[in-house]
Amino acid sequence: MNRSELARAVAERENLPRKRVEDVVRSLFDEIELSLRQKQPVTITGFGTFRVDHQEPCMRRNPRTGAPVDVPPKFKARFKASDTLNAAIQ
């Protein structure tokens, strides 16, 4: 399910204008992105936590040639599902 499909499903379920729901969904994701850019975790109770982890620099090997490749340090977005969500999936 992509963003527009999510907005369409919510609009149909709640009987709301699709354009308005799309704006709300876009705003929600924009706020999550803004918090992550500031390295602030976003916790949605009953759903999960989005956070930013720092990945240290390391040395890897190119699988095709075997040549060493330096991997620079970087930040990665992570998501950890809540126990409630994990239970619902099971």
PDB file of N, CA and C in Angstrom:
ATOM      1  N   MET A   1       0.858  -1.171   0.000  1.00  0.00           N
ATOM      2  CA  MET A   1       0.000   0.000   0.000  1.00  0.00           C
ATOM      3  C   MET A   1       0.904   1.233   0.000  1.00  0.00           C
ATOM      4  N   ASN A   2       0.663   2.137  -0.934  1.00  0.00           N
ATOM      5  CA  ASN A   2       1.438   3.370  -0.964  1.00  0.00           C
ATOM      6  C   ASN A   2       0.650   4.503  -0.300  1.00  0.00           C
ATOM      7  N   ARG A   3       1.235   5.694  -0.310  1.00  0.00           N
ATOM      8  CA  ARG A   3       0.641   6.825   0.406  1.00  0.00           C
ATOM      9  C   ARG A   3      -0.753   7.178  -0.109  1.00  0.00           C
ATOM     10  N   SER A   4      -0.937   7.234  -1.404  1.00  0.00           N
ATOM     11  CA  SER A   4      -2.248   7.604  -1.940  1.00  0.00           C
ATOM     12  C   SER A   4      -3.284   6.508  -1.672  1.00  0.00           C
ATOM     13  N   GLU A   5      -2.868   5.248  -1.724  1.00  0.00           N
ATOM     14  CA  GLU A   5      -3.787   4.156  -1.399  1.00  0.00           C
ATOM     15  C   GLU A   5      -4.188   4.206   0.077  1.00  0.00           C
ATOM     16  N   LEU A   6      -3.239   4.542   0.933  1.00  0.00           N
ATOM     17  CA  LEU A   6      -3.528   4.696   2.353  1.00  0.00           C
ATOM     18  C   LEU A   6      -4.550   5.811   2.571  1.00  0.00           C
ATOM     19  N   ALA A   7      -4.325   6.954   1.933  1.00  0.00           N
ATOM     20  CA  ALA A   7      -5.248   8.087   2.071  1.00  0.00           C
ATOM     21  C   ALA A   7      -6.637   7.725   1.542  1.00  0.00           C
ATOM     22  N   ARG A   8      -6.683   7.031   0.430  1.00  0.00           N
ATOM     23  CA  ARG A   8      -7.971   6.628  -0.152  1.00  0.00           C
ATOM     24  C   ARG A   8      -8.716   5.676   0.787  1.00  0.00           C
ATOM     25  N   ALA A   9      -7.994   4.717   1.379  1.00  0.00           N
ATOM     26  CA  ALA A   9      -8.619   3.756   2.286  1.00  0.00           C
ATOM     27  C   ALA A   9      -9.159   4.450   3.536  1.00  0.00           C
ATOM     28  N   VAL A  10      -8.389   5.389   4.085  1.00  0.00           N
ATOM     29  CA  VAL A  10      -8.849   6.116   5.270  1.00  0.00           C
ATOM     30  C   VAL A  10     -10.052   6.984   4.926  1.00  0.00           C
ATOM     31  N   ALA A  11     -10.014   7.640   3.779  1.00  0.00           N
ATOM     32  CA  ALA A  11     -11.125   8.502   3.363  1.00  0.00           C
ATOM     33  C   ALA A  11     -12.408   7.689   3.217  1.00  0.00           C
ATOM     34  N   GLU A  12     -12.307   6.512   2.621  1.00  0.00           N
ATOM     35  CA  GLU A  12     -13.490   5.666   2.457  1.00  0.00           C
ATOM     36  C   GLU A  12     -13.987   5.136   3.796  1.00  0.00           C
ATOM     37  N   ARG A  13     -13.060   4.724   4.638  1.00  0.00           N
ATOM     38  CA  ARG A  13     -13.438   4.153   5.935  1.00  0.00           C
ATOM     39  C   ARG A  13     -14.108   5.182   6.836  1.00  0.00           C
ATOM     40  N   GLU A  14     -13.597   6.411   6.831  1.00  0.00           N
ATOM     41  CA  GLU A  14     -14.102   7.455   7.721  1.00  0.00           C
ATOM     42  C   GLU A  14     -15.109   8.378   7.035  1.00  0.00           C
ATOM     43  N   ASN A  15     -15.386   8.118   5.766  1.00  0.00           N
ATOM     44  CA  ASN A  15     -16.335   8.929   5.003  1.00  0.00           C
ATOM     45  C   ASN A  15     -15.944  10.417   5.011  1.00  0.00           C
ATOM     46  N   LEU A  16     -14.677  10.667   4.652  1.00  0.00           N
ATOM     47  CA  LEU A  16     -14.130  12.020   4.603  1.00  0.00           C
ATOM     48  C   LEU A  16     -13.669  12.324   3.186  1.00  0.00           C
ATOM     49  N   PRO A  17     -13.519  13.606   2.855  1.00  0.00           N
ATOM     50  CA  PRO A  17     -13.015  13.955   1.517  1.00  0.00           C
ATOM     51  C   PRO A  17     -11.582  13.427   1.323  1.00  0.00           C
ATOM     52  N   ARG A  18     -11.366  12.763   0.199  1.00  0.00           N
ATOM     53  CA  ARG A  18     -10.063  12.150  -0.068  1.00  0.00           C
ATOM     54  C   ARG A  18      -8.943  13.178  -0.096  1.00  0.00           C
ATOM     55  N   LYS A  19      -9.172  14.337  -0.689  1.00  0.00           N
ATOM     56  CA  LYS A  19      -8.137  15.373  -0.781  1.00  0.00           C
ATOM     57  C   LYS A  19      -7.701  15.823   0.612  1.00  0.00           C
ATOM     58  N   ARG A  20      -8.662  15.978   1.507  1.00  0.00           N
ATOM     59  CA  ARG A  20      -8.346  16.409   2.876  1.00  0.00           C
ATOM     60  C   ARG A  20      -7.516  15.350   3.598  1.00  0.00           C
ATOM     61  N   VAL A  21      -7.885  14.089   3.420  1.00  0.00           N
ATOM     62  CA  VAL A  21      -7.151  12.997   4.058  1.00  0.00           C
ATOM     63  C   VAL A  21      -5.737  12.917   3.474  1.00  0.00           C
ATOM     64  N   GLU A  22      -5.591  13.105   2.166  1.00  0.00           N
ATOM     65  CA  GLU A  22      -4.258  13.100   1.547  1.00  0.00           C
ATOM     66  C   GLU A  22      -3.385  14.183   2.148  1.00  0.00           C
ATOM     67  N   ASP A  23      -3.956  15.365   2.389  1.00  0.00           N
ATOM     68  CA  ASP A  23      -3.206  16.461   3.006  1.00  0.00           C
ATOM     69  C   ASP A  23      -2.760  16.090   4.424  1.00  0.00           C
ATOM     70  N   VAL A  24      -3.645  15.457   5.174  1.00  0.00           N
ATOM     71  CA  VAL A  24      -3.314  15.059   6.547  1.00  0.00           C
ATOM     72  C   VAL A  24      -2.226  13.986   6.543  1.00  0.00           C
ATOM     73  N   VAL A  25      -2.347  13.004   5.669  1.00  0.00           N
ATOM     74  CA  VAL A  25      -1.343  11.939   5.586  1.00  0.00           C
ATOM     75  C   VAL A  25       0.005  12.531   5.186  1.00  0.00           C
ATOM     76  N   ARG A  26       0.020  13.424   4.210  1.00  0.00           N
ATOM     77  CA  ARG A  26       1.259  14.074   3.782  1.00  0.00           C
ATOM     78  C   ARG A  26       1.875  14.854   4.945  1.00  0.00           C
ATOM     79  N   SER A  27       1.054  15.586   5.676  1.00  0.00           N
ATOM     80  CA  SER A  27       1.545  16.355   6.822  1.00  0.00           C
ATOM     81  C   SER A  27       2.110  15.445   7.905  1.00  0.00           C
ATOM     82  N   LEU A  28       1.448  14.334   8.147  1.00  0.00           N
ATOM     83  CA  LEU A  28       1.924  13.380   9.146  1.00  0.00           C
ATOM     84  C   LEU A  28       3.317  12.881   8.787  1.00  0.00           C
ATOM     85  N   PHE A  29       3.499  12.446   7.545  1.00  0.00           N
ATOM     86  CA  PHE A  29       4.804  11.945   7.133  1.00  0.00           C
ATOM     87  C   PHE A  29       5.854  13.047   7.096  1.00  0.00           C
ATOM     88  N   ASP A  30       5.462  14.264   6.739  1.00  0.00           N
ATOM     89  CA  ASP A  30       6.395  15.387   6.759  1.00  0.00           C
ATOM     90  C   ASP A  30       6.895  15.659   8.178  1.00  0.00           C
ATOM     91  N   GLU A  31       6.000  15.579   9.163  1.00  0.00           N
ATOM     92  CA  GLU A  31       6.386  15.804  10.555  1.00  0.00           C
ATOM     93  C   GLU A  31       7.300  14.690  11.072  1.00  0.00           C
ATOM     94  N   ILE A  32       7.027  13.458  10.683  1.00  0.00           N
ATOM     95  CA  ILE A  32       7.909  12.354  11.068  1.00  0.00           C
ATOM     96  C   ILE A  32       9.290  12.571  10.468  1.00  0.00           C
ATOM     97  N   GLU A  33       9.328  12.944   9.190  1.00  0.00           N
ATOM     98  CA  GLU A  33      10.614  13.195   8.529  1.00  0.00           C
ATOM     99  C   GLU A  33      11.368  14.335   9.200  1.00  0.00           C
ATOM    100  N   LEU A  34      10.676  15.418   9.528  1.00  0.00           N
ATOM    101  CA  LEU A  34      11.308  16.565  10.178  1.00  0.00           C
ATOM    102  C   LEU A  34      11.928  16.158  11.517  1.00  0.00           C
ATOM    103  N   SER A  35      11.199  15.389  12.305  1.00  0.00           N
ATOM    104  CA  SER A  35      11.733  14.932  13.591  1.00  0.00           C
ATOM    105  C   SER A  35      12.956  14.048  13.395  1.00  0.00           C
ATOM    106  N   LEU A  36      12.909  13.158  12.423  1.00  0.00           N
ATOM    107  CA  LEU A  36      14.053  12.276  12.172  1.00  0.00           C
ATOM    108  C   LEU A  36      15.264  13.065  11.675  1.00  0.00           C
ATOM    109  N   ARG A  37      15.030  14.092  10.878  1.00  0.00           N
ATOM    110  CA  ARG A  37      16.151  14.942  10.433  1.00  0.00           C
ATOM    111  C   ARG A  37      16.837  15.612  11.611  1.00  0.00           C
ATOM    112  N   GLN A  38      16.064  15.888  12.649  1.00  0.00           N
ATOM    113  CA  GLN A  38      16.608  16.505  13.863  1.00  0.00           C
ATOM    114  C   GLN A  38      17.094  15.447  14.851  1.00  0.00           C
ATOM    115  N   LYS A  39      17.146  14.192  14.396  1.00  0.00           N
ATOM    116  CA  LYS A  39      17.602  13.045  15.187  1.00  0.00           C
ATOM    117  C   LYS A  39      16.723  12.795  16.405  1.00  0.00           C
ATOM    118  N   GLN A  40      15.455  13.182  16.324  1.00  0.00           N
ATOM    119  CA  GLN A  40      14.490  12.966  17.399  1.00  0.00           C
ATOM    120  C   GLN A  40      13.639  11.745  17.073  1.00  0.00           C
ATOM    121  N   PRO A  41      13.496  10.815  18.020  1.00  0.00           N
ATOM    122  CA  PRO A  41      12.637   9.647  17.755  1.00  0.00           C
ATOM    123  C   PRO A  41      11.168  10.050  17.737  1.00  0.00           C
ATOM    124  N   VAL A  42      10.382   9.283  17.003  1.00  0.00           N
ATOM    125  CA  VAL A  42       8.933   9.483  16.936  1.00  0.00           C
ATOM    126  C   VAL A  42       8.288   8.189  17.398  1.00  0.00           C
ATOM    127  N   THR A  43       7.555   8.263  18.510  1.00  0.00           N
ATOM    128  CA  THR A  43       6.896   7.091  19.058  1.00  0.00           C
ATOM    129  C   THR A  43       5.393   7.245  18.899  1.00  0.00           C
ATOM    130  N   ILE A  44       4.778   6.267  18.257  1.00  0.00           N
ATOM    131  CA  ILE A  44       3.333   6.229  18.098  1.00  0.00           C
ATOM    132  C   ILE A  44       2.857   5.038  18.917  1.00  0.00           C
ATOM    133  N   THR A  45       2.245   5.331  20.052  1.00  0.00           N
ATOM    134  CA  THR A  45       1.822   4.292  20.980  1.00  0.00           C
ATOM    135  C   THR A  45       0.918   3.273  20.277  1.00  0.00           C
ATOM    136  N   GLY A  46       1.232   2.021  20.482  1.00  0.00           N
ATOM    137  CA  GLY A  46       0.456   0.947  19.876  1.00  0.00           C
ATOM    138  C   GLY A  46       0.861   0.631  18.450  1.00  0.00           C
ATOM    139  N   PHE A  47       1.794   1.410  17.889  1.00  0.00           N
ATOM    140  CA  PHE A  47       2.233   1.179  16.515  1.00  0.00           C
ATOM    141  C   PHE A  47       3.726   0.890  16.469  1.00  0.00           C
ATOM    142  N   GLY A  48       4.539   1.829  16.957  1.00  0.00           N
ATOM    143  CA  GLY A  48       5.975   1.611  16.954  1.00  0.00           C
ATOM    144  C   GLY A  48       6.753   2.897  17.091  1.00  0.00           C
ATOM    145  N   THR A  49       8.081   2.781  16.940  1.00  0.00           N
ATOM    146  CA  THR A  49       8.977   3.914  17.093  1.00  0.00           C
ATOM    147  C   THR A  49       9.878   4.040  15.876  1.00  0.00           C
ATOM    148  N   PHE A  50       9.938   5.246  15.335  1.00  0.00           N
ATOM    149  CA  PHE A  50      10.889   5.592  14.287  1.00  0.00           C
ATOM    150  C   PHE A  50      12.062   6.279  14.975  1.00  0.00           C
ATOM    151  N   ARG A  51      13.281   5.928  14.594  1.00  0.00           N
ATOM    152  CA  ARG A  51      14.454   6.578  15.180  1.00  0.00           C
ATOM    153  C   ARG A  51      15.578   6.619  14.153  1.00  0.00           C
ATOM    154  N   VAL A  52      16.608   7.379  14.467  1.00  0.00           N
ATOM    155  CA  VAL A  52      17.776   7.487  13.597  1.00  0.00           C
ATOM    156  C   VAL A  52      18.959   6.866  14.325  1.00  0.00           C
ATOM    157  N   ASP A  53      19.627   5.928  13.675  1.00  0.00           N
ATOM    158  CA  ASP A  53      20.820   5.294  14.227  1.00  0.00           C
ATOM    159  C   ASP A  53      22.033   5.724  13.420  1.00  0.00           C
ATOM    160  N   HIS A  54      23.155   5.856  14.120  1.00  0.00           N
ATOM    161  CA  HIS A  54      24.413   6.190  13.454  1.00  0.00           C
ATOM    162  C   HIS A  54      25.129   4.905  13.090  1.00  0.00           C
ATOM    163  N   GLN A  55      25.526   4.803  11.833  1.00  0.00           N
ATOM    164  CA  GLN A  55      26.280   3.637  11.381  1.00  0.00           C
ATOM    165  C   GLN A  55      27.740   4.045  11.267  1.00  0.00           C
ATOM    166  N   GLU A  56      28.593   3.349  11.969  1.00  0.00           N
ATOM    167  CA  GLU A  56      30.024   3.652  11.963  1.00  0.00           C
ATOM    168  C   GLU A  56      30.634   3.328  10.593  1.00  0.00           C
ATOM    169  N   PRO A  57      31.744   4.007  10.255  1.00  0.00           N
ATOM    170  CA  PRO A  57      32.424   3.658   9.003  1.00  0.00           C
ATOM    171  C   PRO A  57      32.998   2.245   9.107  1.00  0.00           C
ATOM    172  N   CYS A  58      33.082   1.570   7.987  1.00  0.00           N
ATOM    173  CA  CYS A  58      33.628   0.216   8.005  1.00  0.00           C
ATOM    174  C   CYS A  58      34.229  -0.116   6.640  1.00  0.00           C
ATOM    175  N   MET A  59      34.901  -1.225   6.598  1.00  0.00           N
ATOM    176  CA  MET A  59      35.498  -1.712   5.361  1.00  0.00           C
ATOM    177  C   MET A  59      34.702  -2.928   4.910  1.00  0.00           C
ATOM    178  N   ARG A  60      34.271  -2.935   3.670  1.00  0.00           N
ATOM    179  CA  ARG A  60      33.545  -4.069   3.081  1.00  0.00           C
ATOM    180  C   ARG A  60      34.301  -4.528   1.841  1.00  0.00           C
ATOM    181  N   ARG A  61      33.814  -5.588   1.251  1.00  0.00           N
ATOM    182  CA  ARG A  61      34.413  -6.087   0.016  1.00  0.00           C
ATOM    183  C   ARG A  61      33.365  -6.111  -1.082  1.00  0.00           C
ATOM    184  N   ASN A  62      33.790  -5.719  -2.265  1.00  0.00           N
ATOM    185  CA  ASN A  62      32.931  -5.807  -3.436  1.00  0.00           C
ATOM    186  C   ASN A  62      32.768  -7.292  -3.745  1.00  0.00           C
ATOM    187  N   PRO A  63      31.538  -7.806  -3.740  1.00  0.00           N
ATOM    188  CA  PRO A  63      31.363  -9.256  -3.951  1.00  0.00           C
ATOM    189  C   PRO A  63      31.779  -9.727  -5.342  1.00  0.00           C
ATOM    190  N   ARG A  64      31.740  -8.839  -6.306  1.00  0.00           N
ATOM    191  CA  ARG A  64      32.089  -9.243  -7.670  1.00  0.00           C
ATOM    192  C   ARG A  64      33.600  -9.310  -7.867  1.00  0.00           C
ATOM    193  N   THR A  65      34.317  -8.295  -7.339  1.00  0.00           N
ATOM    194  CA  THR A  65      35.761  -8.226  -7.591  1.00  0.00           C
ATOM    195  C   THR A  65      36.592  -8.601  -6.380  1.00  0.00           C
ATOM    196  N   GLY A  66      36.000  -8.550  -5.198  1.00  0.00           N
ATOM    197  CA  GLY A  66      36.758  -8.827  -3.979  1.00  0.00           C
ATOM    198  C   GLY A  66      37.561  -7.636  -3.496  1.00  0.00           C
ATOM    199  N   ALA A  67      37.487  -6.519  -4.213  1.00  0.00           N
ATOM    200  CA  ALA A  67      38.245  -5.324  -3.837  1.00  0.00           C
ATOM    201  C   ALA A  67      37.646  -4.705  -2.574  1.00  0.00           C
ATOM    202  N   PRO A  68      38.514  -4.191  -1.684  1.00  0.00           N
ATOM    203  CA  PRO A  68      37.991  -3.543  -0.484  1.00  0.00           C
ATOM    204  C   PRO A  68      37.297  -2.222  -0.831  1.00  0.00           C
ATOM    205  N   VAL A  69      36.226  -1.928  -0.092  1.00  0.00           N
ATOM    206  CA  VAL A  69      35.462  -0.709  -0.315  1.00  0.00           C
ATOM    207  C   VAL A  69      35.249  -0.039   1.041  1.00  0.00           C
ATOM    208  N   ASP A  70      35.618   1.242   1.128  1.00  0.00           N
ATOM    209  CA  ASP A  70      35.368   2.006   2.344  1.00  0.00           C
ATOM    210  C   ASP A  70      33.915   2.448   2.371  1.00  0.00           C
ATOM    211  N   VAL A  71      33.224   2.147   3.446  1.00  0.00           N
ATOM    212  CA  VAL A  71      31.842   2.592   3.620  1.00  0.00           C
ATOM    213  C   VAL A  71      31.885   3.745   4.627  1.00  0.00           C
ATOM    214  N   PRO A  72      31.491   4.954   4.204  1.00  0.00           N
ATOM    215  CA  PRO A  72      31.575   6.107   5.103  1.00  0.00           C
ATOM    216  C   PRO A  72      30.517   6.026   6.210  1.00  0.00           C
ATOM    217  N   PRO A  73      30.722   6.795   7.277  1.00  0.00           N
ATOM    218  CA  PRO A  73      29.699   6.815   8.328  1.00  0.00           C
ATOM    219  C   PRO A  73      28.424   7.456   7.793  1.00  0.00           C
ATOM    220  N   LYS A  74      27.288   7.001   8.316  1.00  0.00           N
ATOM    221  CA  LYS A  74      26.025   7.575   7.870  1.00  0.00           C
ATOM    222  C   LYS A  74      24.952   7.326   8.912  1.00  0.00           C
ATOM    223  N   PHE A  75      23.855   8.024   8.746  1.00  0.00           N
ATOM    224  CA  PHE A  75      22.697   7.846   9.606  1.00  0.00           C
ATOM    225  C   PHE A  75      21.653   7.051   8.843  1.00  0.00           C
ATOM    226  N   LYS A  76      20.948   6.175   9.562  1.00  0.00           N
ATOM    227  CA  LYS A  76      19.919   5.348   8.942  1.00  0.00           C
ATOM    228  C   LYS A  76      18.639   5.454   9.746  1.00  0.00           C
ATOM    229  N   ALA A  77      17.515   5.529   9.045  1.00  0.00           N
ATOM    230  CA  ALA A  77      16.210   5.526   9.699  1.00  0.00           C
ATOM    231  C   ALA A  77      15.863   4.086  10.060  1.00  0.00           C
ATOM    232  N   ARG A  78      15.339   3.902  11.259  1.00  0.00           N
ATOM    233  CA  ARG A  78      14.957   2.579  11.734  1.00  0.00           C
ATOM    234  C   ARG A  78      13.524   2.641  12.255  1.00  0.00           C
ATOM    235  N   PHE A  79      12.853   1.508  12.201  1.00  0.00           N
ATOM    236  CA  PHE A  79      11.510   1.402  12.755  1.00  0.00           C
ATOM    237  C   PHE A  79      11.442   0.141  13.593  1.00  0.00           C
ATOM    238  N   LYS A  80      10.915   0.279  14.809  1.00  0.00           N
ATOM    239  CA  LYS A  80      10.703  -0.887  15.668  1.00  0.00           C
ATOM    240  C   LYS A  80       9.226  -0.948  15.984  1.00  0.00           C
ATOM    241  N   ALA A  81       8.597  -2.028  15.577  1.00  0.00           N
ATOM    242  CA  ALA A  81       7.164  -2.210  15.808  1.00  0.00           C
ATOM    243  C   ALA A  81       6.904  -2.429  17.295  1.00  0.00           C
ATOM    244  N   SER A  82       5.763  -1.931  17.766  1.00  0.00           N
ATOM    245  CA  SER A  82       5.386  -2.119  19.169  1.00  0.00           C
ATOM    246  C   SER A  82       4.941  -3.559  19.390  1.00  0.00           C
ATOM    247  N   ASP A  83       4.903  -3.953  20.656  1.00  0.00           N
ATOM    248  CA  ASP A  83       4.418  -5.293  20.993  1.00  0.00           C
ATOM    249  C   ASP A  83       2.969  -5.470  20.546  1.00  0.00           C
ATOM    250  N   THR A  84       2.179  -4.389  20.662  1.00  0.00           N
ATOM    251  CA  THR A  84       0.772  -4.437  20.253  1.00  0.00           C
ATOM    252  C   THR A  84       0.653  -4.731  18.760  1.00  0.00           C
ATOM    253  N   LEU A  85       1.452  -4.040  17.941  1.00  0.00           N
ATOM    254  CA  LEU A  85       1.435  -4.264  16.499  1.00  0.00           C
ATOM    255  C   LEU A  85       1.907  -5.662  16.163  1.00  0.00           C
ATOM    256  N   ASN A  86       2.995  -6.091  16.808  1.00  0.00           N
ATOM    257  CA  ASN A  86       3.504  -7.442  16.547  1.00  0.00           C
ATOM    258  C   ASN A  86       2.466  -8.500  16.909  1.00  0.00           C
ATOM    259  N   ALA A  87       1.750  -8.298  17.990  1.00  0.00           N
ATOM    260  CA  ALA A  87       0.715  -9.250  18.389  1.00  0.00           C
ATOM    261  C   ALA A  87      -0.431  -9.266  17.376  1.00  0.00           C
ATOM    262  N   ALA A  88      -0.780  -8.099  16.847  1.00  0.00           N
ATOM    263  CA  ALA A  88      -1.868  -8.018  15.866  1.00  0.00           C
ATOM    264  C   ALA A  88      -1.486  -8.729  14.572  1.00  0.00           C
ATOM    265  N   ILE A  89      -0.226  -8.678  14.222  1.00  0.00           N
ATOM    266  CA  ILE A  89       0.242  -9.325  12.988  1.00  0.00           C
ATOM    267  C   ILE A  89       0.198 -10.834  13.123  1.00  0.00           C
ATOM    268  N   GLN A  90       0.485 -11.327  14.317  1.00  0.00           N
ATOM    269  CA  GLN A  90       0.494 -12.777  14.547  1.00  0.00           C
ATOM    270  C   GLN A  90      -0.899 -13.253  14.519  1.00  0.00           C
TER     271      GLN A  90
END
